[in-house]
All heavy atoms as atom14 arrays in JSON, in Angstrom:
{
  "sequence": "QGESFAATEDGSVGTKGNVLDAIREQGLEAEIIY",
  "atom14_mask": [
    [1, 1, 1, 1, 1, 1, 1, 1, 1, 0, 0, 0, 0, 0],
    [1, 1, 1, 1, 0, 0, 0, 0, 0, 0, 0, 0, 0, 0],
    [1, 1, 1, 1, 1, 1, 1, 1, 1, 0, 0, 0, 0, 0],
    [1, 1, 1, 1, 1, 1, 0, 0, 0, 0, 0, 0, 0, 0],
    [1, 1, 1, 1, 1, 1, 1, 1, 1, 1, 1, 0, 0, 0],
    [1, 1, 1, 1, 1, 0, 0, 0, 0, 0, 0, 0, 0, 0],
    [1, 1, 1, 1, 1, 0, 0, 0, 0, 0, 0, 0, 0, 0],
    [1, 1, 1, 1, 1, 1, 1, 0, 0, 0, 0, 0, 0, 0],
    [1, 1, 1, 1, 1, 1, 1, 1, 1, 0, 0, 0, 0, 0],
    [1, 1, 1, 1, 1, 1, 1, 1, 0, 0, 0, 0, 0, 0],
    [1, 1, 1, 1, 0, 0, 0, 0, 0, 0, 0, 0, 0, 0],
    [1, 1, 1, 1, 1, 1, 0, 0, 0, 0, 0, 0, 0, 0],
    [1, 1, 1, 1, 1, 1, 1, 0, 0, 0, 0, 0, 0, 0],
    [1, 1, 1, 1, 0, 0, 0, 0, 0, 0, 0, 0, 0, 0],
    [1, 1, 1, 1, 1, 1, 1, 0, 0, 0, 0, 0, 0, 0],
    [1, 1, 1, 1, 1, 1, 1, 1, 1, 0, 0, 0, 0, 0],
    [1, 1, 1, 1, 0, 0, 0, 0, 0, 0, 0, 0, 0, 0],
    [1, 1, 1, 1, 1, 1, 1, 1, 0, 0, 0, 0, 0, 0],
    [1, 1, 1, 1, 1, 1, 1, 0, 0, 0, 0, 0, 0, 0],
    [1, 1, 1, 1, 1, 1, 1, 1, 0, 0, 0, 0, 0, 0],
    [1, 1, 1, 1, 1, 1, 1, 1, 0, 0, 0, 0, 0, 0],
    [1, 1, 1, 1, 1, 0, 0, 0, 0, 0, 0, 0, 0, 0],
    [1, 1, 1, 1, 1, 1, 1, 1, 0, 0, 0, 0, 0, 0],
    [1, 1, 1, 1, 1, 1, 1, 1, 1, 1, 1, 0, 0, 0],
    [1, 1, 1, 1, 1, 1, 1, 1, 1, 0, 0, 0, 0, 0],
    [1, 1, 1, 1, 1, 1, 1, 1, 1, 0, 0, 0, 0, 0],
    [1, 1, 1, 1, 0, 0, 0, 0, 0, 0, 0, 0, 0, 0],
    [1, 1, 1, 1, 1, 1, 1, 1, 0, 0, 0, 0, 0, 0],
    [1, 1, 1, 1, 1, 1, 1, 1, 1, 0, 0, 0, 0, 0],
    [1, 1, 1, 1, 1, 0, 0, 0, 0, 0, 0, 0, 0, 0],
    [1, 1, 1, 1, 1, 1, 1, 1, 1, 0, 0, 0, 0, 0],
    [1, 1, 1, 1, 1, 1, 1, 1, 0, 0, 0, 0, 0, 0],
    [1, 1, 1, 1, 1, 1, 1, 1, 0, 0, 0, 0, 0, 0],
    [1, 1, 1, 1, 1, 1, 1, 1, 1, 1, 1, 1, 0, 0]
  ],
  "atom14_positions": [
    [[0.84, -1.22, -0.03], [0.03, 0.02, -0.03], [0.83, 1.27, 0.01], [0.43, 2.29, -0.5], [-0.96, 0.04, 1.24], [-1.89, -1.17, 1.27], [-2.66, -1.37, 0.09], [-3.28, -0.4, -0.47], [-2.78, -2.61, -0.37], [0.0, 0.0, 0.0], [0.0, 0.0, 0.0], [0.0, 0.0, 0.0], [0.0, 0.0, 0.0], [0.0, 0.0, 0.0]],
    [[2.03, 1.17, 0.56], [2.9, 2.37, 0.64], [4.15, 2.12, 1.45], [4.42, 0.99, 1.88], [0.0, 0.0, 0.0], [0.0, 0.0, 0.0], [0.0, 0.0, 0.0], [0.0, 0.0, 0.0], [0.0, 0.0, 0.0], [0.0, 0.0, 0.0], [0.0, 0.0, 0.0], [0.0, 0.0, 0.0], [0.0, 0.0, 0.0], [0.0, 0.0, 0.0]],
    [[4.91, 3.19, 1.7], [6.16, 3.02, 2.4], [5.87, 2.55, 3.86], [5.1, 3.14, 4.59], [6.82, 4.41, 2.47], [8.27, 4.4, 2.92], [8.98, 5.7, 2.84], [8.3, 6.8, 2.66], [10.19, 5.77, 2.92], [0.0, 0.0, 0.0], [0.0, 0.0, 0.0], [0.0, 0.0, 0.0], [0.0, 0.0, 0.0], [0.0, 0.0, 0.0]],
    [[6.55, 1.45, 4.2], [6.26, 0.77, 5.49], [7.44, 0.53, 6.3], [8.52, 0.16, 5.7], [5.47, -0.52, 5.22], [4.22, -0.32, 4.57], [0.0, 0.0, 0.0], [0.0, 0.0, 0.0], [0.0, 0.0, 0.0], [0.0, 0.0, 0.0], [0.0, 0.0, 0.0], [0.0, 0.0, 0.0], [0.0, 0.0, 0.0], [0.0, 0.0, 0.0]],
    [[7.39, 0.64, 7.6], [8.44, 0.4, 8.54], [7.95, -0.45, 9.66], [6.74, -0.45, 9.99], [8.99, 1.71, 9.08], [9.43, 2.68, 8.01], [8.56, 3.5, 7.41], [10.74, 2.67, 7.46], [8.93, 4.39, 6.43], [11.14, 3.51, 6.49], [10.27, 4.41, 5.99], [0.0, 0.0, 0.0], [0.0, 0.0, 0.0], [0.0, 0.0, 0.0]],
    [[8.88, -1.25, 10.32], [8.46, -2.09, 11.37], [9.38, -1.84, 12.59], [10.59, -1.51, 12.39], [8.56, -3.55, 10.97], [0.0, 0.0, 0.0], [0.0, 0.0, 0.0], [0.0, 0.0, 0.0], [0.0, 0.0, 0.0], [0.0, 0.0, 0.0], [0.0, 0.0, 0.0], [0.0, 0.0, 0.0], [0.0, 0.0, 0.0], [0.0, 0.0, 0.0]],
    [[8.87, -2.05, 13.73], [9.64, -2.07, 15.0], [9.34, -3.36, 15.69], [8.15, -3.84, 15.69], [9.34, -0.93, 15.87], [0.0, 0.0, 0.0], [0.0, 0.0, 0.0], [0.0, 0.0, 0.0], [0.0, 0.0, 0.0], [0.0, 0.0, 0.0], [0.0, 0.0, 0.0], [0.0, 0.0, 0.0], [0.0, 0.0, 0.0], [0.0, 0.0, 0.0]],
    [[10.33, -4.05, 16.23], [10.16, -5.29, 16.97], [10.87, -5.15, 18.3], [11.94, -4.55, 18.37], [10.63, -6.56, 16.23], [11.95, -6.31, 15.78], [9.76, -6.82, 15.05], [0.0, 0.0, 0.0], [0.0, 0.0, 0.0], [0.0, 0.0, 0.0], [0.0, 0.0, 0.0], [0.0, 0.0, 0.0], [0.0, 0.0, 0.0], [0.0, 0.0, 0.0]],
    [[10.19, -5.72, 19.39], [10.78, -5.57, 20.68], [12.18, -6.29, 20.78], [13.04, -5.8, 21.49], [9.8, -6.17, 21.69], [8.6, -5.36, 21.92], [7.65, -6.04, 22.86], [7.99, -6.97, 23.62], [6.42, -5.6, 22.97], [0.0, 0.0, 0.0], [0.0, 0.0, 0.0], [0.0, 0.0, 0.0], [0.0, 0.0, 0.0], [0.0, 0.0, 0.0]],
    [[12.34, -7.38, 20.01], [13.55, -8.08, 20.09], [14.57, -7.73, 19.0], [15.65, -8.31, 18.84], [13.31, -9.62, 20.09], [12.68, -10.07, 18.74], [12.42, -9.29, 17.91], [12.35, -11.31, 18.7], [0.0, 0.0, 0.0], [0.0, 0.0, 0.0], [0.0, 0.0, 0.0], [0.0, 0.0, 0.0], [0.0, 0.0, 0.0], [0.0, 0.0, 0.0]],
    [[14.13, -6.79, 18.09], [15.04, -6.33, 17.1], [15.17, -7.36, 15.88], [16.09, -7.13, 15.03], [0.0, 0.0, 0.0], [0.0, 0.0, 0.0], [0.0, 0.0, 0.0], [0.0, 0.0, 0.0], [0.0, 0.0, 0.0], [0.0, 0.0, 0.0], [0.0, 0.0, 0.0], [0.0, 0.0, 0.0], [0.0, 0.0, 0.0], [0.0, 0.0, 0.0]],
    [[14.3, -8.36, 15.8], [14.44, -9.36, 14.7], [14.05, -8.79, 13.38], [14.5, -9.32, 12.36], [13.6, -10.54, 15.07], [12.26, -10.2, 15.32], [0.0, 0.0, 0.0], [0.0, 0.0, 0.0], [0.0, 0.0, 0.0], [0.0, 0.0, 0.0], [0.0, 0.0, 0.0], [0.0, 0.0, 0.0], [0.0, 0.0, 0.0], [0.0, 0.0, 0.0]],
    [[13.18, -7.8, 13.32], [12.73, -7.17, 12.03], [12.71, -5.64, 12.31], [12.21, -5.19, 13.31], [11.38, -7.68, 11.64], [10.99, -6.94, 10.34], [11.36, -9.21, 11.41], [0.0, 0.0, 0.0], [0.0, 0.0, 0.0], [0.0, 0.0, 0.0], [0.0, 0.0, 0.0], [0.0, 0.0, 0.0], [0.0, 0.0, 0.0], [0.0, 0.0, 0.0]],
    [[13.29, -4.92, 11.35], [13.22, -3.44, 11.43], [13.99, -2.9, 12.66], [15.02, -3.39, 13.09], [0.0, 0.0, 0.0], [0.0, 0.0, 0.0], [0.0, 0.0, 0.0], [0.0, 0.0, 0.0], [0.0, 0.0, 0.0], [0.0, 0.0, 0.0], [0.0, 0.0, 0.0], [0.0, 0.0, 0.0], [0.0, 0.0, 0.0], [0.0, 0.0, 0.0]],
    [[13.47, -1.83, 13.21], [14.06, -1.1, 14.32], [13.87, -1.97, 15.58], [12.73, -2.43, 15.86], [13.42, 0.24, 14.55], [13.7, 1.02, 13.33], [14.02, 0.97, 15.68], [0.0, 0.0, 0.0], [0.0, 0.0, 0.0], [0.0, 0.0, 0.0], [0.0, 0.0, 0.0], [0.0, 0.0, 0.0], [0.0, 0.0, 0.0], [0.0, 0.0, 0.0]],
    [[14.84, -2.03, 16.46], [14.62, -2.67, 17.74], [14.07, -1.61, 18.68], [14.63, -0.61, 18.88], [15.96, -3.14, 18.31], [15.83, -3.89, 19.71], [17.15, -4.43, 20.17], [16.97, -5.17, 21.5], [18.14, -5.82, 22.06], [0.0, 0.0, 0.0], [0.0, 0.0, 0.0], [0.0, 0.0, 0.0], [0.0, 0.0, 0.0], [0.0, 0.0, 0.0]],
    [[12.9, -2.0, 19.22], [12.21, -1.08, 20.11], [10.73, -0.94, 19.71], [10.1, -1.84, 19.28], [0.0, 0.0, 0.0], [0.0, 0.0, 0.0], [0.0, 0.0, 0.0], [0.0, 0.0, 0.0], [0.0, 0.0, 0.0], [0.0, 0.0, 0.0], [0.0, 0.0, 0.0], [0.0, 0.0, 0.0], [0.0, 0.0, 0.0], [0.0, 0.0, 0.0]],
    [[10.22, 0.31, 19.82], [8.79, 0.55, 19.61], [8.57, 1.41, 18.34], [9.58, 1.79, 17.69], [8.09, 1.14, 20.8], [8.76, 2.43, 21.25], [9.14, 3.27, 20.43], [8.83, 2.66, 22.53], [0.0, 0.0, 0.0], [0.0, 0.0, 0.0], [0.0, 0.0, 0.0], [0.0, 0.0, 0.0], [0.0, 0.0, 0.0], [0.0, 0.0, 0.0]],
    [[7.37, 1.76, 18.08], [7.04, 2.49, 16.83], [7.71, 3.9, 16.86], [8.19, 4.37, 15.82], [5.51, 2.55, 16.6], [4.98, 1.2, 16.27], [4.79, 3.13, 17.85], [0.0, 0.0, 0.0], [0.0, 0.0, 0.0], [0.0, 0.0, 0.0], [0.0, 0.0, 0.0], [0.0, 0.0, 0.0], [0.0, 0.0, 0.0], [0.0, 0.0, 0.0]],
    [[7.77, 4.52, 17.96], [8.4, 5.79, 18.05], [9.91, 5.73, 17.83], [10.5, 6.58, 17.22], [8.14, 6.48, 19.43], [6.71, 7.09, 19.55], [6.52, 7.66, 20.95], [6.52, 8.23, 18.63], [0.0, 0.0, 0.0], [0.0, 0.0, 0.0], [0.0, 0.0, 0.0], [0.0, 0.0, 0.0], [0.0, 0.0, 0.0], [0.0, 0.0, 0.0]],
    [[10.51, 4.6, 18.28], [11.99, 4.42, 18.01], [12.13, 4.29, 16.48], [13.09, 4.8, 15.88], [12.44, 3.12, 18.67], [12.41, 3.16, 20.22], [12.77, 4.29, 20.69], [12.16, 2.21, 20.87], [0.0, 0.0, 0.0], [0.0, 0.0, 0.0], [0.0, 0.0, 0.0], [0.0, 0.0, 0.0], [0.0, 0.0, 0.0], [0.0, 0.0, 0.0]],
    [[11.25, 3.63, 15.73], [11.34, 3.46, 14.37], [11.15, 4.86, 13.67], [11.86, 5.17, 12.72], [10.27, 2.44, 13.83], [0.0, 0.0, 0.0], [0.0, 0.0, 0.0], [0.0, 0.0, 0.0], [0.0, 0.0, 0.0], [0.0, 0.0, 0.0], [0.0, 0.0, 0.0], [0.0, 0.0, 0.0], [0.0, 0.0, 0.0], [0.0, 0.0, 0.0]],
    [[10.21, 5.61, 14.08], [10.0, 6.93, 13.51], [11.25, 7.83, 13.66], [11.67, 8.46, 12.71], [8.77, 7.63, 14.21], [7.51, 6.96, 13.69], [8.75, 9.16, 13.94], [6.24, 7.38, 14.46], [0.0, 0.0, 0.0], [0.0, 0.0, 0.0], [0.0, 0.0, 0.0], [0.0, 0.0, 0.0], [0.0, 0.0, 0.0], [0.0, 0.0, 0.0]],
    [[11.83, 7.79, 14.87], [13.06, 8.61, 15.06], [14.27, 8.05, 14.31], [14.99, 8.81, 13.76], [13.31, 8.63, 16.56], [12.28, 9.41, 17.35], [12.52, 9.41, 18.88], [11.5, 10.23, 19.56], [10.74, 9.75, 20.56], [10.77, 8.43, 20.88], [9.87, 10.53, 21.16], [0.0, 0.0, 0.0], [0.0, 0.0, 0.0], [0.0, 0.0, 0.0]],
    [[14.41, 6.73, 14.31], [15.51, 6.06, 13.58], [15.51, 6.34, 12.14], [16.53, 6.66, 11.45], [15.55, 4.6, 13.78], [16.77, 3.97, 13.16], [16.76, 2.41, 13.44], [17.34, 2.09, 14.51], [16.22, 1.65, 12.72], [0.0, 0.0, 0.0], [0.0, 0.0, 0.0], [0.0, 0.0, 0.0], [0.0, 0.0, 0.0], [0.0, 0.0, 0.0]],
    [[14.3, 6.37, 11.52], [14.16, 6.6, 10.08], [13.99, 8.06, 9.73], [13.95, 8.41, 8.55], [12.98, 5.78, 9.53], [13.03, 4.32, 9.76], [14.17, 3.69, 8.93], [14.49, 4.18, 7.9], [14.67, 2.62, 9.41], [0.0, 0.0, 0.0], [0.0, 0.0, 0.0], [0.0, 0.0, 0.0], [0.0, 0.0, 0.0], [0.0, 0.0, 0.0]],
    [[13.88, 8.96, 10.73], [13.76, 10.36, 10.44], [12.4, 10.73, 9.77], [12.35, 11.56, 8.89], [0.0, 0.0, 0.0], [0.0, 0.0, 0.0], [0.0, 0.0, 0.0], [0.0, 0.0, 0.0], [0.0, 0.0, 0.0], [0.0, 0.0, 0.0], [0.0, 0.0, 0.0], [0.0, 0.0, 0.0], [0.0, 0.0, 0.0], [0.0, 0.0, 0.0]],
    [[11.31, 10.0, 10.16], [10.0, 10.17, 9.5], [9.32, 11.39, 10.07], [9.45, 11.81, 11.23], [9.2, 8.91, 9.77], [9.82, 7.58, 9.31], [8.85, 6.45, 9.57], [10.24, 7.64, 7.92], [0.0, 0.0, 0.0], [0.0, 0.0, 0.0], [0.0, 0.0, 0.0], [0.0, 0.0, 0.0], [0.0, 0.0, 0.0], [0.0, 0.0, 0.0]],
    [[8.54, 12.01, 9.16], [7.73, 13.13, 9.61], [6.37, 13.09, 9.0], [6.13, 12.53, 7.9], [8.43, 14.44, 9.09], [9.76, 14.76, 9.75], [10.37, 16.04, 9.27], [9.83, 16.66, 8.3], [11.37, 16.51, 9.85], [0.0, 0.0, 0.0], [0.0, 0.0, 0.0], [0.0, 0.0, 0.0], [0.0, 0.0, 0.0], [0.0, 0.0, 0.0]],
    [[5.38, 13.62, 9.76], [4.01, 13.63, 9.29], [3.26, 14.76, 10.06], [3.83, 15.43, 10.87], [3.32, 12.33, 9.57], [0.0, 0.0, 0.0], [0.0, 0.0, 0.0], [0.0, 0.0, 0.0], [0.0, 0.0, 0.0], [0.0, 0.0, 0.0], [0.0, 0.0, 0.0], [0.0, 0.0, 0.0], [0.0, 0.0, 0.0], [0.0, 0.0, 0.0]],
    [[1.96, 14.98, 9.6], [1.21, 16.08, 10.2], [0.1, 15.49, 11.07], [-0.51, 16.31, 11.87], [0.57, 16.93, 9.07], [1.56, 17.58, 8.14], [0.9, 18.11, 6.93], [0.83, 17.35, 5.94], [0.5, 19.27, 6.94], [0.0, 0.0, 0.0], [0.0, 0.0, 0.0], [0.0, 0.0, 0.0], [0.0, 0.0, 0.0], [0.0, 0.0, 0.0]],
    [[-0.18, 14.21, 10.94], [-1.32, 13.66, 11.72], [-1.07, 12.18, 11.93], [-0.28, 11.52, 11.13], [-2.63, 13.86, 10.86], [-3.82, 13.49, 11.81], [-2.7, 13.11, 9.62], [-5.19, 13.93, 11.2], [0.0, 0.0, 0.0], [0.0, 0.0, 0.0], [0.0, 0.0, 0.0], [0.0, 0.0, 0.0], [0.0, 0.0, 0.0], [0.0, 0.0, 0.0]],
    [[-1.6, 11.64, 13.01], [-1.39, 10.26, 13.39], [-2.83, 9.58, 13.43], [-3.72, 10.09, 14.08], [-0.71, 10.13, 14.79], [0.76, 10.64, 14.72], [-0.68, 8.64, 15.19], [1.35, 10.75, 16.08], [0.0, 0.0, 0.0], [0.0, 0.0, 0.0], [0.0, 0.0, 0.0], [0.0, 0.0, 0.0], [0.0, 0.0, 0.0], [0.0, 0.0, 0.0]],
    [[-2.83, 8.32, 12.87], [-3.98, 7.48, 13.04], [-3.35, 6.17, 13.61], [-2.44, 5.59, 13.04], [-4.74, 7.11, 11.67], [-5.14, 8.41, 11.0], [-4.53, 8.85, 9.87], [-6.29, 9.1, 11.51], [-5.0, 9.96, 9.17], [-6.77, 10.22, 10.79], [-6.06, 10.66, 9.58], [-6.56, 11.77, 9.0], [0.0, 0.0, 0.0], [0.0, 0.0, 0.0]]
  ]
}
């Protein structure tokens, strides 16, 4: 559907940590959250 990122608690896929860790690690920006 579009650009996608993942966070996993154990670091097995994508960013290790939570969704905010992934947002910060990837330098993502937006105007609204759903």
